[in-house]
């Protein structure tokens, strides 16, 4: 019911109040104007790890440090833009200011990246914060809906939180590695879908994606792909 009311509210607002850019507030009729869109650093335009999409700015290491630390079992992580100073500003608009419709500005890019892989269902990562759930919006679910609508794949909420944990954005790198451990569980006894696309808004260390991939594979999934709107770059300091 909350989801229906939220969609209705957004539709009415679009009719009577045309969208303005969430970054610079220009009135181009888009939630992300061309100028601000042009400031985004896209992951595919930079050097990156072919498995986890960790962006390398200054140097390409012999081994990806995130893959070395976590040995991810997912087949591939696909991300759209870099979680740098500008990318963080955009993500915070989405996560904390309820600007979820910004995600739709990336619809064509998302479709072009994901139509190259085969998956059966879309599974959003559960929200860390109860506040978002009570308000009726969850960033990963909005992203999952955009993917579902563009690629005609069903959303199946196979994962739920098994304990309360803080948001990854609030933690240090080392804390992020430990935080998701045993924090999620699969909602069914046996998964009957072969290939799953796991969706989150930001991939920092990939610890959350790795943990959720692990429990999906243990419950019967054959293969897990991952998607995040933003991906952190390798820190070189």
Protein backbone atom coordinates (compact mmCIF):
# COMPACT_ATOMS: atom_id res chain seq x y z
CA UNK A 1 0.00 0.00 0.00
CA UNK A 2 2.82 2.41 0.88
CA UNK A 3 4.48 1.67 -2.46
CA UNK A 4 1.27 2.49 -4.39
CA UNK A 5 0.76 5.75 -2.48
CA UNK A 6 4.39 6.71 -3.01
CA UNK A 7 4.12 6.11 -6.79
CA UNK A 8 0.86 8.11 -6.95
CA UNK A 9 2.45 11.00 -5.06
CA UNK A 10 5.46 11.05 -7.40
CA UNK A 11 3.22 11.01 -10.48
CA UNK A 12 1.13 13.95 -9.25
CA UNK A 13 4.25 15.92 -8.36
CA UNK A 14 5.62 15.41 -11.88
CA UNK A 15 2.41 16.72 -13.41
CA UNK A 16 2.06 19.85 -11.30
CA UNK A 17 5.70 20.45 -10.34
CA UNK A 18 8.15 19.51 -13.16
CA UNK A 19 11.40 18.07 -11.78
CA UNK A 20 14.45 20.23 -11.11
CA UNK A 21 18.05 19.04 -10.94
CA UNK A 22 18.81 17.61 -7.49
CA UNK A 23 22.37 18.94 -7.60
CA UNK A 24 22.20 22.48 -9.01
CA UNK A 25 18.39 22.98 -8.99
CA UNK A 26 18.28 24.05 -12.65
CA UNK A 27 14.85 23.75 -14.27
CA UNK A 28 15.57 21.61 -17.31
CA UNK A 29 12.75 19.17 -16.58
CA UNK A 30 15.18 16.50 -15.40
CA UNK A 31 16.26 15.40 -11.94
CA UNK A 32 19.85 15.46 -13.17
CA UNK A 33 20.61 18.19 -15.71
CA UNK A 34 23.05 17.71 -18.59
CA UNK A 35 25.76 19.80 -16.92
CA UNK A 36 25.64 17.82 -13.67
CA UNK A 37 25.31 14.51 -15.54
CA UNK A 38 28.48 15.43 -17.41
CA UNK A 39 30.44 15.71 -14.14
CA UNK A 40 29.89 12.05 -13.29
CA UNK A 41 32.87 9.70 -13.60
CA UNK A 42 31.65 6.48 -15.18
CA UNK A 43 33.31 3.25 -14.12
CA UNK A 44 33.59 1.87 -17.67
CA UNK A 45 35.60 4.89 -18.78
CA UNK A 46 38.32 4.16 -16.21
CA UNK A 47 40.75 1.36 -15.37
CA UNK A 48 39.02 -1.15 -13.09
CA UNK A 49 39.07 -4.68 -11.76
CA UNK A 50 37.24 -6.88 -14.32
CA UNK A 51 35.53 -8.85 -11.52
CA UNK A 52 34.56 -6.34 -8.81
CA UNK A 53 34.78 -3.03 -10.76
CA UNK A 54 37.15 -1.42 -8.22
CA UNK A 55 38.37 1.72 -9.99
CA UNK A 56 42.12 2.35 -10.29
CA UNK A 57 43.07 5.99 -10.81
CA UNK A 58 46.85 6.25 -10.62
CA UNK A 59 48.13 2.72 -10.83
CA UNK A 60 46.86 -0.74 -11.65
CA UNK A 61 47.91 -3.25 -8.96
CA UNK A 62 48.94 -6.76 -9.91
CA UNK A 63 46.05 -8.08 -7.82
CA UNK A 64 42.84 -6.32 -6.88
CA UNK A 65 43.00 -5.64 -3.11
CA UNK A 66 39.25 -6.08 -2.59
CA UNK A 67 39.20 -9.43 -4.40
CA UNK A 68 42.31 -10.50 -2.49
CA UNK A 69 40.74 -9.73 0.89
CA UNK A 70 37.27 -11.15 0.25
CA UNK A 71 37.63 -13.75 -2.54
CA UNK A 72 34.15 -12.90 -3.90
CA UNK A 73 32.03 -15.80 -5.13
CA UNK A 74 29.88 -13.63 -7.37
CA UNK A 75 30.65 -13.91 -11.09
CA UNK A 76 30.88 -10.17 -11.69
CA UNK A 77 29.99 -6.82 -10.13
CA UNK A 78 28.70 -4.22 -12.58
CA UNK A 79 28.69 -0.59 -11.42
CA UNK A 80 27.74 2.64 -13.20
CA UNK A 81 29.62 5.56 -11.63
CA UNK A 82 32.46 6.22 -9.20
CA UNK A 83 31.68 6.90 -5.55
CA UNK A 84 34.03 9.88 -5.35
CA UNK A 85 33.26 13.33 -3.93
CA UNK A 86 30.69 14.07 -6.65
CA UNK A 87 29.32 10.53 -6.76
CA UNK A 88 28.88 10.56 -2.99
CA UNK A 89 26.92 13.80 -3.23
CA UNK A 90 24.57 12.19 -5.74
CA UNK A 91 24.17 8.99 -3.70
CA UNK A 92 23.38 10.98 -0.57
CA UNK A 93 20.61 12.79 -2.44
CA UNK A 94 19.17 9.39 -3.32
CA UNK A 95 19.67 7.72 0.05
CA UNK A 96 18.97 10.48 2.53
CA UNK A 97 16.85 13.06 0.70
CA UNK A 98 14.40 10.67 -0.96
CA UNK A 99 15.47 11.59 -4.52
CA UNK A 100 14.93 8.05 -5.73
CA UNK A 101 13.68 9.07 -9.16
CA UNK A 102 17.22 10.22 -10.02
CA UNK A 103 17.94 6.52 -10.62
CA UNK A 104 15.70 6.65 -13.69
CA UNK A 105 18.16 9.06 -15.35
CA UNK A 106 20.51 6.07 -15.63
CA UNK A 107 17.92 3.68 -17.12
CA UNK A 108 19.49 3.44 -20.58
CA UNK A 109 22.99 2.90 -19.19
CA UNK A 110 21.75 0.26 -16.75
CA UNK A 111 19.92 -1.59 -19.51
CA UNK A 112 22.93 -1.54 -21.86
CA UNK A 113 25.21 -2.97 -19.16
CA UNK A 114 22.89 -5.66 -17.83
CA UNK A 115 21.43 -6.95 -21.09
CA UNK A 116 24.84 -8.49 -21.75
CA UNK A 117 24.48 -10.98 -18.88
CA UNK A 118 21.93 -13.71 -18.28
CA UNK A 119 19.95 -13.71 -15.04
CA UNK A 120 16.52 -14.92 -14.00
CA UNK A 121 15.52 -12.63 -11.13
CA UNK A 122 16.48 -9.38 -9.40
CA UNK A 123 17.15 -9.49 -5.65
CA UNK A 124 17.56 -6.16 -3.78
CA UNK A 125 19.82 -5.97 -0.72
CA UNK A 126 17.66 -5.22 2.35
CA UNK A 127 17.96 -1.75 3.82
CA UNK A 128 20.25 -1.24 6.80
CA UNK A 129 18.05 1.46 8.25
CA UNK A 130 14.54 0.93 9.63
CA UNK A 131 13.82 4.62 9.07
CA UNK A 132 13.92 4.13 5.30
CA UNK A 133 11.58 1.14 5.48
CA UNK A 134 9.06 3.06 7.63
CA UNK A 135 9.11 5.96 5.17
CA UNK A 136 8.29 3.56 2.35
CA UNK A 137 11.44 3.98 0.26
CA UNK A 138 14.53 1.82 -0.04
CA UNK A 139 17.28 2.79 -2.52
CA UNK A 140 18.20 -0.76 -3.56
CA UNK A 141 14.54 -1.57 -4.22
CA UNK A 142 14.13 1.51 -6.44
CA UNK A 143 17.18 0.45 -8.45
CA UNK A 144 15.81 -3.10 -8.66
CA UNK A 145 12.52 -1.72 -10.04
CA UNK A 146 14.33 0.24 -12.75
CA UNK A 147 16.21 -2.92 -13.73
CA UNK A 148 13.04 -5.02 -13.63
CA UNK A 149 11.09 -2.58 -15.82
CA UNK A 150 13.86 -2.22 -18.38
CA UNK A 151 14.88 -5.86 -18.66
CA UNK A 152 11.53 -7.51 -17.88
CA UNK A 153 12.90 -9.57 -14.99
CA UNK A 154 10.92 -10.18 -11.78
CA UNK A 155 11.96 -8.84 -8.40
CA UNK A 156 12.09 -11.58 -5.78
CA UNK A 157 12.97 -10.47 -2.20
CA UNK A 158 14.96 -13.55 -1.24
CA UNK A 159 17.09 -11.86 1.43
CA UNK A 160 16.22 -10.23 4.74
CA UNK A 161 18.25 -8.86 7.62
CA UNK A 162 18.76 -11.28 10.49
CA UNK A 163 20.11 -8.63 12.87
CA UNK A 164 20.41 -4.86 13.09
CA UNK A 165 23.70 -3.49 11.83
CA UNK A 166 24.89 0.06 11.09
CA UNK A 167 25.06 1.42 7.55
CA UNK A 168 28.31 0.66 5.74
CA UNK A 169 28.69 4.37 4.93
CA UNK A 170 29.13 5.11 8.64
CA UNK A 171 32.04 2.70 9.15
CA UNK A 172 35.77 2.50 8.50
CA UNK A 173 37.11 0.18 5.80
CA UNK A 174 38.04 -2.51 8.31
CA UNK A 175 34.68 -2.29 10.07
CA UNK A 176 32.90 -2.60 6.70
CA UNK A 177 34.58 -5.94 6.10
CA UNK A 178 33.22 -7.44 9.33
CA UNK A 179 29.87 -5.64 9.58
CA UNK A 180 27.71 -7.77 7.19
CA UNK A 181 28.94 -11.17 8.45
CA UNK A 182 25.90 -13.31 9.37
CA UNK A 183 23.67 -10.22 9.18
CA UNK A 184 21.43 -11.57 6.40
CA UNK A 185 19.41 -14.70 5.73
CA UNK A 186 17.56 -16.23 2.80
CA UNK A 187 13.76 -16.21 3.12
CA UNK A 188 13.22 -19.67 1.56
CA UNK A 189 14.57 -23.14 2.30
CA UNK A 190 15.67 -23.81 -1.26
CA UNK A 191 16.24 -21.38 -4.11
CA UNK A 192 14.74 -22.53 -7.40
CA UNK A 193 16.31 -19.84 -9.57
CA UNK A 194 19.58 -20.57 -11.34
CA UNK A 195 21.02 -17.11 -11.98
CA UNK A 196 20.46 -14.15 -9.66
CA UNK A 197 21.23 -10.45 -9.98
CA UNK A 198 21.93 -8.99 -6.55
CA UNK A 199 21.35 -5.22 -6.35
CA UNK A 200 22.65 -2.50 -4.02
CA UNK A 201 23.09 1.26 -4.24
CA UNK A 202 26.80 1.51 -3.35
CA UNK A 203 29.57 -1.08 -3.28
CA UNK A 204 32.35 -0.01 -0.92
CA UNK A 205 34.46 -3.02 0.10
CA UNK A 206 31.90 -5.43 -1.54
CA UNK A 207 31.61 -7.16 1.86
CA UNK A 208 27.80 -6.98 1.85
CA UNK A 209 27.55 -8.32 -1.69
CA UNK A 210 30.00 -11.11 -0.85
CA UNK A 211 28.02 -12.15 2.23
CA UNK A 212 24.68 -12.13 0.41
CA UNK A 213 26.20 -14.03 -2.52
CA UNK A 214 27.48 -16.67 -0.10
CA UNK A 215 24.09 -17.36 1.44
CA UNK A 216 22.34 -17.41 -1.95
CA UNK A 217 24.78 -19.98 -3.30
CA UNK A 218 24.46 -22.07 -0.15
CA UNK A 219 20.67 -22.16 -0.63
CA UNK A 220 20.86 -23.45 -4.18
CA UNK A 221 21.55 -20.61 -6.61
CA UNK A 222 23.89 -21.63 -9.43
CA UNK A 223 25.35 -18.21 -10.16
CA UNK A 224 25.16 -14.70 -8.72
CA UNK A 225 25.88 -11.46 -10.54
CA UNK A 226 25.95 -8.15 -8.68
CA UNK A 227 24.98 -4.60 -9.56
CA UNK A 228 25.56 -1.33 -7.75
CA UNK A 229 24.82 2.18 -8.90
CA UNK A 230 28.13 3.44 -7.47
CA UNK A 231 31.51 1.86 -6.73
CA UNK A 232 34.33 3.18 -4.57
CA UNK A 233 37.75 3.76 -6.17
CA UNK A 234 41.03 2.40 -4.86
CA UNK A 235 42.52 4.76 -2.30
CA UNK A 236 46.14 5.56 -3.09
CA UNK A 237 47.08 7.36 0.12
